[in-house]
Amino acid sequence: MSQKEIIATNKAPQAIGPYSQAVKVGDTVYLSGQIPLIPETMELIAGDIKAQAQQVFNNLTEVAAAAGGSLDDAVKVNISLTDLGDFAEVNEVMAGVFKQPFPARACVQVAALPKGASIEVEVILSL
C-alpha cells in the first residue's frame, strides 16, 4: 500500500476544518475543495463569480505546485455552485486555466457552501 503524504502550503488558504489541503498517494494527488478565500486574510474575495472562480483556481494552482505538479496534471475537477446560473462564467474562467485535452468534470448546484461562498472546486491530479 502506498504511503500518504500530506501537502500543505502557506500560499493557499489554510484548512477551515479537519482536513488537509491535499493528500498525495503514489502518483495521485487529491486537492481538497477550495473556496475563494484570500490566503493572507482568510476572507472571501470581493467581486463577481468570475473573480471568485479565478481566486479558487489560483488557490488550487498553489496547492498543486506544493504537491510537485500543476493544474495541467488535472484528471478530474468537481465544481459546486450555489447558483447554476453562474455556469457559463465559470466555464469561461476554467477555459483560461486548463488546456486541451481538458480534465473530466462534474458541476453541481448546492444549497450552501462554507463562509457563504458561491463556488467550491476540488481537483484530482495524476503526476
N, C-alpha and C. Protein backbone atom coordinates (compact mmCIF):
# COMPACT_ATOMS: atom_id res chain seq x y z
N MET A 1 0.84 -1.19 0.00
CA MET A 1 0.00 0.00 0.00
C MET A 1 0.88 1.24 0.00
N SER A 2 0.51 2.22 -0.78
CA SER A 2 1.29 3.45 -0.88
C SER A 2 1.14 4.30 0.38
N GLN A 3 2.19 5.01 0.66
CA GLN A 3 2.19 5.92 1.80
C GLN A 3 1.45 7.20 1.44
N LYS A 4 0.71 7.75 2.40
CA LYS A 4 0.07 9.04 2.22
C LYS A 4 1.06 10.13 2.56
N GLU A 5 1.07 11.17 1.72
CA GLU A 5 1.87 12.36 2.00
C GLU A 5 0.91 13.54 2.08
N ILE A 6 0.96 14.25 3.18
CA ILE A 6 0.11 15.42 3.36
C ILE A 6 0.78 16.61 2.69
N ILE A 7 0.02 17.34 1.88
CA ILE A 7 0.53 18.51 1.16
C ILE A 7 -0.01 19.76 1.83
N ALA A 8 0.87 20.72 2.08
CA ALA A 8 0.45 21.98 2.71
C ALA A 8 1.31 23.11 2.18
N THR A 9 0.69 24.27 2.03
CA THR A 9 1.40 25.47 1.61
C THR A 9 0.76 26.70 2.24
N ASN A 10 1.58 27.69 2.57
CA ASN A 10 1.06 28.96 3.07
C ASN A 10 0.59 29.86 1.93
N LYS A 11 0.80 29.44 0.68
CA LYS A 11 0.40 30.25 -0.48
C LYS A 11 -1.06 30.04 -0.85
N ALA A 12 -1.74 29.15 -0.13
CA ALA A 12 -3.17 28.90 -0.32
C ALA A 12 -3.83 28.99 1.04
N PRO A 13 -5.14 29.19 1.08
CA PRO A 13 -5.83 29.28 2.37
C PRO A 13 -5.60 28.03 3.22
N GLN A 14 -5.45 28.25 4.50
CA GLN A 14 -5.33 27.13 5.43
C GLN A 14 -6.69 26.45 5.56
N ALA A 15 -6.68 25.19 5.90
CA ALA A 15 -7.92 24.44 6.06
C ALA A 15 -8.79 25.10 7.13
N ILE A 16 -10.09 25.17 6.87
CA ILE A 16 -11.01 25.76 7.84
C ILE A 16 -11.78 24.66 8.59
N GLY A 17 -11.28 23.45 8.51
CA GLY A 17 -11.87 22.30 9.18
C GLY A 17 -10.84 21.21 9.34
N PRO A 18 -11.28 20.05 9.77
CA PRO A 18 -10.35 18.93 9.99
C PRO A 18 -10.01 18.18 8.71
N TYR A 19 -9.25 18.83 7.84
CA TYR A 19 -8.82 18.22 6.59
C TYR A 19 -7.51 18.84 6.16
N SER A 20 -6.84 18.20 5.20
CA SER A 20 -5.58 18.68 4.64
C SER A 20 -5.85 19.41 3.33
N GLN A 21 -4.96 20.32 2.95
CA GLN A 21 -5.11 21.00 1.67
C GLN A 21 -5.07 19.99 0.52
N ALA A 22 -4.24 18.98 0.66
CA ALA A 22 -4.16 17.91 -0.34
C ALA A 22 -3.49 16.70 0.29
N VAL A 23 -3.75 15.55 -0.33
CA VAL A 23 -3.12 14.30 0.09
C VAL A 23 -2.60 13.63 -1.18
N LYS A 24 -1.34 13.22 -1.13
CA LYS A 24 -0.72 12.52 -2.25
C LYS A 24 -0.55 11.06 -1.89
N VAL A 25 -1.00 10.19 -2.79
CA VAL A 25 -0.83 8.74 -2.63
C VAL A 25 -0.28 8.24 -3.96
N GLY A 26 0.97 7.79 -3.94
CA GLY A 26 1.59 7.37 -5.19
C GLY A 26 1.71 8.57 -6.12
N ASP A 27 1.20 8.42 -7.34
CA ASP A 27 1.25 9.50 -8.32
C ASP A 27 -0.06 10.28 -8.39
N THR A 28 -0.96 10.03 -7.46
CA THR A 28 -2.25 10.71 -7.45
C THR A 28 -2.30 11.71 -6.30
N VAL A 29 -2.79 12.92 -6.61
CA VAL A 29 -2.92 13.96 -5.59
C VAL A 29 -4.38 14.40 -5.55
N TYR A 30 -4.95 14.35 -4.37
CA TYR A 30 -6.33 14.76 -4.13
C TYR A 30 -6.33 16.13 -3.48
N LEU A 31 -6.72 17.16 -4.24
CA LEU A 31 -6.76 18.52 -3.71
C LEU A 31 -8.13 18.76 -3.10
N SER A 32 -8.14 19.16 -1.84
CA SER A 32 -9.41 19.46 -1.17
C SER A 32 -10.08 20.64 -1.84
N GLY A 33 -11.38 20.72 -1.65
CA GLY A 33 -12.14 21.83 -2.21
C GLY A 33 -11.62 23.17 -1.72
N GLN A 34 -11.53 24.10 -2.64
CA GLN A 34 -11.12 25.47 -2.33
C GLN A 34 -12.30 26.40 -2.60
N ILE A 35 -12.50 27.34 -1.69
CA ILE A 35 -13.45 28.41 -1.90
C ILE A 35 -12.63 29.68 -2.13
N PRO A 36 -13.25 30.78 -2.57
CA PRO A 36 -12.48 31.97 -2.95
C PRO A 36 -11.94 32.79 -1.78
N LEU A 37 -11.14 32.15 -0.95
CA LEU A 37 -10.51 32.84 0.17
C LEU A 37 -9.17 33.42 -0.26
N ILE A 38 -8.87 34.60 0.24
CA ILE A 38 -7.55 35.20 0.04
C ILE A 38 -6.65 34.60 1.12
N PRO A 39 -5.56 33.95 0.74
CA PRO A 39 -4.73 33.24 1.72
C PRO A 39 -4.24 34.12 2.88
N GLU A 40 -3.86 35.35 2.59
CA GLU A 40 -3.28 36.21 3.63
C GLU A 40 -4.30 36.66 4.67
N THR A 41 -5.55 36.81 4.27
CA THR A 41 -6.57 37.33 5.19
C THR A 41 -7.61 36.30 5.59
N MET A 42 -7.70 35.21 4.82
CA MET A 42 -8.72 34.17 5.02
C MET A 42 -10.14 34.75 4.89
N GLU A 43 -10.26 35.82 4.12
CA GLU A 43 -11.55 36.43 3.82
C GLU A 43 -11.92 36.10 2.38
N LEU A 44 -13.24 36.04 2.10
CA LEU A 44 -13.69 35.82 0.74
C LEU A 44 -13.32 37.02 -0.13
N ILE A 45 -12.88 36.75 -1.34
CA ILE A 45 -12.55 37.81 -2.28
C ILE A 45 -13.85 38.53 -2.67
N ALA A 46 -13.75 39.83 -2.85
CA ALA A 46 -14.89 40.60 -3.33
C ALA A 46 -14.99 40.44 -4.83
N GLY A 47 -16.17 40.60 -5.37
CA GLY A 47 -16.31 40.57 -6.81
C GLY A 47 -17.32 39.56 -7.29
N ASP A 48 -17.48 39.52 -8.60
CA ASP A 48 -18.46 38.64 -9.23
C ASP A 48 -17.95 37.20 -9.26
N ILE A 49 -18.75 36.32 -9.85
CA ILE A 49 -18.40 34.90 -9.87
C ILE A 49 -17.10 34.64 -10.63
N LYS A 50 -16.80 35.46 -11.65
CA LYS A 50 -15.53 35.27 -12.37
C LYS A 50 -14.35 35.54 -11.45
N ALA A 51 -14.41 36.60 -10.67
CA ALA A 51 -13.33 36.92 -9.72
C ALA A 51 -13.20 35.81 -8.67
N GLN A 52 -14.35 35.33 -8.22
CA GLN A 52 -14.33 34.26 -7.22
C GLN A 52 -13.74 32.98 -7.80
N ALA A 53 -14.16 32.62 -9.00
CA ALA A 53 -13.64 31.41 -9.64
C ALA A 53 -12.14 31.53 -9.88
N GLN A 54 -11.68 32.70 -10.32
CA GLN A 54 -10.25 32.89 -10.56
C GLN A 54 -9.46 32.71 -9.27
N GLN A 55 -9.98 33.24 -8.14
CA GLN A 55 -9.30 33.08 -6.86
C GLN A 55 -9.24 31.61 -6.47
N VAL A 56 -10.33 30.89 -6.70
CA VAL A 56 -10.34 29.45 -6.39
C VAL A 56 -9.26 28.73 -7.19
N PHE A 57 -9.18 29.01 -8.49
CA PHE A 57 -8.18 28.33 -9.32
C PHE A 57 -6.77 28.79 -8.97
N ASN A 58 -6.59 30.04 -8.55
CA ASN A 58 -5.28 30.48 -8.06
C ASN A 58 -4.88 29.67 -6.83
N ASN A 59 -5.82 29.48 -5.91
CA ASN A 59 -5.54 28.70 -4.70
C ASN A 59 -5.18 27.26 -5.05
N LEU A 60 -5.95 26.66 -5.96
CA LEU A 60 -5.67 25.29 -6.37
C LEU A 60 -4.32 25.18 -7.07
N THR A 61 -3.95 26.19 -7.85
CA THR A 61 -2.64 26.20 -8.51
C THR A 61 -1.52 26.13 -7.49
N GLU A 62 -1.65 26.87 -6.40
CA GLU A 62 -0.61 26.87 -5.36
C GLU A 62 -0.52 25.53 -4.64
N VAL A 63 -1.67 24.91 -4.38
CA VAL A 63 -1.64 23.60 -3.73
C VAL A 63 -1.05 22.55 -4.67
N ALA A 64 -1.42 22.62 -5.94
CA ALA A 64 -0.86 21.69 -6.93
C ALA A 64 0.66 21.84 -7.00
N ALA A 65 1.15 23.07 -6.99
CA ALA A 65 2.59 23.32 -7.02
C ALA A 65 3.27 22.74 -5.79
N ALA A 66 2.64 22.88 -4.64
CA ALA A 66 3.22 22.34 -3.40
C ALA A 66 3.31 20.82 -3.47
N ALA A 67 2.45 20.21 -4.28
CA ALA A 67 2.47 18.75 -4.45
C ALA A 67 3.45 18.31 -5.53
N GLY A 68 4.08 19.28 -6.19
CA GLY A 68 5.04 18.94 -7.24
C GLY A 68 4.41 18.86 -8.61
N GLY A 69 3.23 19.42 -8.77
CA GLY A 69 2.55 19.36 -10.06
C GLY A 69 1.97 20.71 -10.44
N SER A 70 0.99 20.66 -11.32
CA SER A 70 0.28 21.86 -11.74
C SER A 70 -1.13 21.44 -12.15
N LEU A 71 -1.96 22.42 -12.44
CA LEU A 71 -3.31 22.09 -12.88
C LEU A 71 -3.30 21.43 -14.26
N ASP A 72 -2.17 21.49 -14.98
CA ASP A 72 -2.04 20.74 -16.23
C ASP A 72 -2.10 19.24 -15.98
N ASP A 73 -1.86 18.82 -14.74
CA ASP A 73 -1.89 17.41 -14.36
C ASP A 73 -3.29 16.95 -13.93
N ALA A 74 -4.27 17.85 -13.98
CA ALA A 74 -5.62 17.53 -13.51
C ALA A 74 -6.26 16.47 -14.39
N VAL A 75 -6.88 15.49 -13.75
CA VAL A 75 -7.63 14.47 -14.47
C VAL A 75 -9.12 14.55 -14.15
N LYS A 76 -9.47 15.16 -13.01
CA LYS A 76 -10.88 15.28 -12.60
C LYS A 76 -11.06 16.57 -11.81
N VAL A 77 -12.12 17.29 -12.14
CA VAL A 77 -12.47 18.53 -11.46
C VAL A 77 -13.93 18.42 -11.02
N ASN A 78 -14.18 18.75 -9.77
CA ASN A 78 -15.55 18.79 -9.25
C ASN A 78 -15.84 20.23 -8.83
N ILE A 79 -16.90 20.80 -9.40
CA ILE A 79 -17.28 22.18 -9.10
C ILE A 79 -18.65 22.18 -8.43
N SER A 80 -18.74 22.92 -7.33
CA SER A 80 -20.01 23.13 -6.66
C SER A 80 -20.33 24.61 -6.75
N LEU A 81 -21.54 24.92 -7.21
CA LEU A 81 -22.01 26.30 -7.32
C LEU A 81 -23.30 26.45 -6.52
N THR A 82 -23.49 27.60 -5.90
CA THR A 82 -24.76 27.85 -5.24
C THR A 82 -25.82 28.32 -6.23
N ASP A 83 -25.39 28.67 -7.45
CA ASP A 83 -26.32 29.11 -8.49
C ASP A 83 -25.82 28.61 -9.85
N LEU A 84 -26.53 27.66 -10.44
CA LEU A 84 -26.11 27.15 -11.75
C LEU A 84 -26.22 28.21 -12.84
N GLY A 85 -26.82 29.34 -12.53
CA GLY A 85 -26.82 30.47 -13.45
C GLY A 85 -25.42 31.01 -13.68
N ASP A 86 -24.48 30.64 -12.81
CA ASP A 86 -23.07 31.06 -12.94
C ASP A 86 -22.26 30.12 -13.81
N PHE A 87 -22.89 29.08 -14.33
CA PHE A 87 -22.20 28.02 -15.08
C PHE A 87 -21.37 28.58 -16.24
N ALA A 88 -21.94 29.43 -17.07
CA ALA A 88 -21.23 29.94 -18.25
C ALA A 88 -20.01 30.77 -17.86
N GLU A 89 -20.13 31.61 -16.84
CA GLU A 89 -18.99 32.43 -16.42
C GLU A 89 -17.87 31.57 -15.84
N VAL A 90 -18.23 30.54 -15.10
CA VAL A 90 -17.22 29.64 -14.54
C VAL A 90 -16.54 28.87 -15.68
N ASN A 91 -17.30 28.48 -16.69
CA ASN A 91 -16.70 27.82 -17.86
C ASN A 91 -15.67 28.73 -18.52
N GLU A 92 -15.96 30.03 -18.62
CA GLU A 92 -15.01 30.97 -19.23
C GLU A 92 -13.71 31.01 -18.43
N VAL A 93 -13.82 31.07 -17.11
CA VAL A 93 -12.62 31.09 -16.28
C VAL A 93 -11.86 29.77 -16.42
N MET A 94 -12.59 28.67 -16.37
CA MET A 94 -11.95 27.35 -16.46
C MET A 94 -11.23 27.18 -17.79
N ALA A 95 -11.81 27.70 -18.88
CA ALA A 95 -11.18 27.60 -20.19
C ALA A 95 -9.86 28.35 -20.24
N GLY A 96 -9.71 29.36 -19.40
CA GLY A 96 -8.45 30.10 -19.32
C GLY A 96 -7.42 29.46 -18.41
N VAL A 97 -7.86 28.53 -17.59
CA VAL A 97 -6.98 27.87 -16.62
C VAL A 97 -6.43 26.55 -17.18
N PHE A 98 -7.31 25.78 -17.81
CA PHE A 98 -6.94 24.45 -18.29
C PHE A 98 -6.70 24.46 -19.80
N LYS A 99 -5.82 23.56 -20.23
CA LYS A 99 -5.51 23.40 -21.65
C LYS A 99 -6.15 22.10 -22.13
N GLN A 100 -6.37 22.02 -23.44
CA GLN A 100 -6.88 20.78 -24.02
C GLN A 100 -5.77 19.74 -24.05
N PRO A 101 -6.05 18.49 -23.85
CA PRO A 101 -7.36 17.96 -23.56
C PRO A 101 -7.76 18.27 -22.11
N PHE A 102 -9.01 18.72 -21.94
CA PHE A 102 -9.49 19.13 -20.63
C PHE A 102 -9.70 17.92 -19.72
N PRO A 103 -9.60 18.14 -18.41
CA PRO A 103 -9.87 17.05 -17.47
C PRO A 103 -11.37 16.71 -17.47
N ALA A 104 -11.69 15.55 -16.94
CA ALA A 104 -13.09 15.20 -16.70
C ALA A 104 -13.63 16.17 -15.65
N ARG A 105 -14.96 16.37 -15.63
CA ARG A 105 -15.50 17.37 -14.71
C ARG A 105 -16.94 17.05 -14.36
N ALA A 106 -17.31 17.45 -13.16
CA ALA A 106 -18.70 17.48 -12.74
C ALA A 106 -18.97 18.87 -12.20
N CYS A 107 -20.19 19.36 -12.40
CA CYS A 107 -20.58 20.66 -11.86
C CYS A 107 -22.00 20.52 -11.34
N VAL A 108 -22.18 20.81 -10.07
CA VAL A 108 -23.49 20.66 -9.45
C VAL A 108 -23.87 21.92 -8.68
N GLN A 109 -25.17 22.11 -8.51
CA GLN A 109 -25.66 23.20 -7.66
C GLN A 109 -25.88 22.64 -6.27
N VAL A 110 -25.45 23.41 -5.28
CA VAL A 110 -25.61 23.02 -3.88
C VAL A 110 -26.37 24.13 -3.15
N ALA A 111 -26.95 23.78 -2.01
CA ALA A 111 -27.74 24.75 -1.25
C ALA A 111 -26.88 25.84 -0.64
N ALA A 112 -25.69 25.48 -0.17
CA ALA A 112 -24.82 26.45 0.50
C ALA A 112 -23.40 25.91 0.53
N LEU A 113 -22.45 26.83 0.70
CA LEU A 113 -21.03 26.48 0.83
C LEU A 113 -20.46 27.18 2.05
N PRO A 114 -19.31 26.70 2.57
CA PRO A 114 -18.71 27.34 3.74
C PRO A 114 -18.48 28.83 3.54
N LYS A 115 -18.66 29.58 4.61
CA LYS A 115 -18.41 31.03 4.66
C LYS A 115 -19.27 31.82 3.68
N GLY A 116 -20.34 31.22 3.17
CA GLY A 116 -21.21 31.91 2.24
C GLY A 116 -20.64 32.02 0.84
N ALA A 117 -19.64 31.20 0.50
CA ALA A 117 -19.02 31.23 -0.83
C ALA A 117 -20.04 30.81 -1.89
N SER A 118 -19.81 31.26 -3.13
CA SER A 118 -20.66 30.91 -4.26
C SER A 118 -20.12 29.73 -5.06
N ILE A 119 -18.83 29.40 -4.84
CA ILE A 119 -18.18 28.35 -5.62
C ILE A 119 -17.17 27.61 -4.75
N GLU A 120 -17.07 26.31 -4.98
CA GLU A 120 -16.01 25.48 -4.40
C GLU A 120 -15.57 24.52 -5.49
N VAL A 121 -14.26 24.30 -5.59
CA VAL A 121 -13.71 23.41 -6.61
C VAL A 121 -12.69 22.48 -5.97
N GLU A 122 -12.78 21.21 -6.29
CA GLU A 122 -11.78 20.22 -5.88
C GLU A 122 -11.21 19.58 -7.13
N VAL A 123 -9.96 19.11 -7.04
CA VAL A 123 -9.27 18.60 -8.21
C VAL A 123 -8.49 17.34 -7.84
N ILE A 124 -8.42 16.41 -8.78
CA ILE A 124 -7.56 15.24 -8.64
C ILE A 124 -6.48 15.36 -9.72
N LEU A 125 -5.22 15.23 -9.30
CA LEU A 125 -4.07 15.30 -10.21
C LEU A 125 -3.47 13.91 -10.39
N SER A 126 -2.91 13.65 -11.55
CA SER A 126 -2.12 12.46 -11.80
C SER A 126 -0.74 12.94 -12.24
N LEU A 127 0.26 12.72 -11.39
CA LEU A 127 1.61 13.23 -11.67
C LEU A 127 2.44 12.20 -12.43
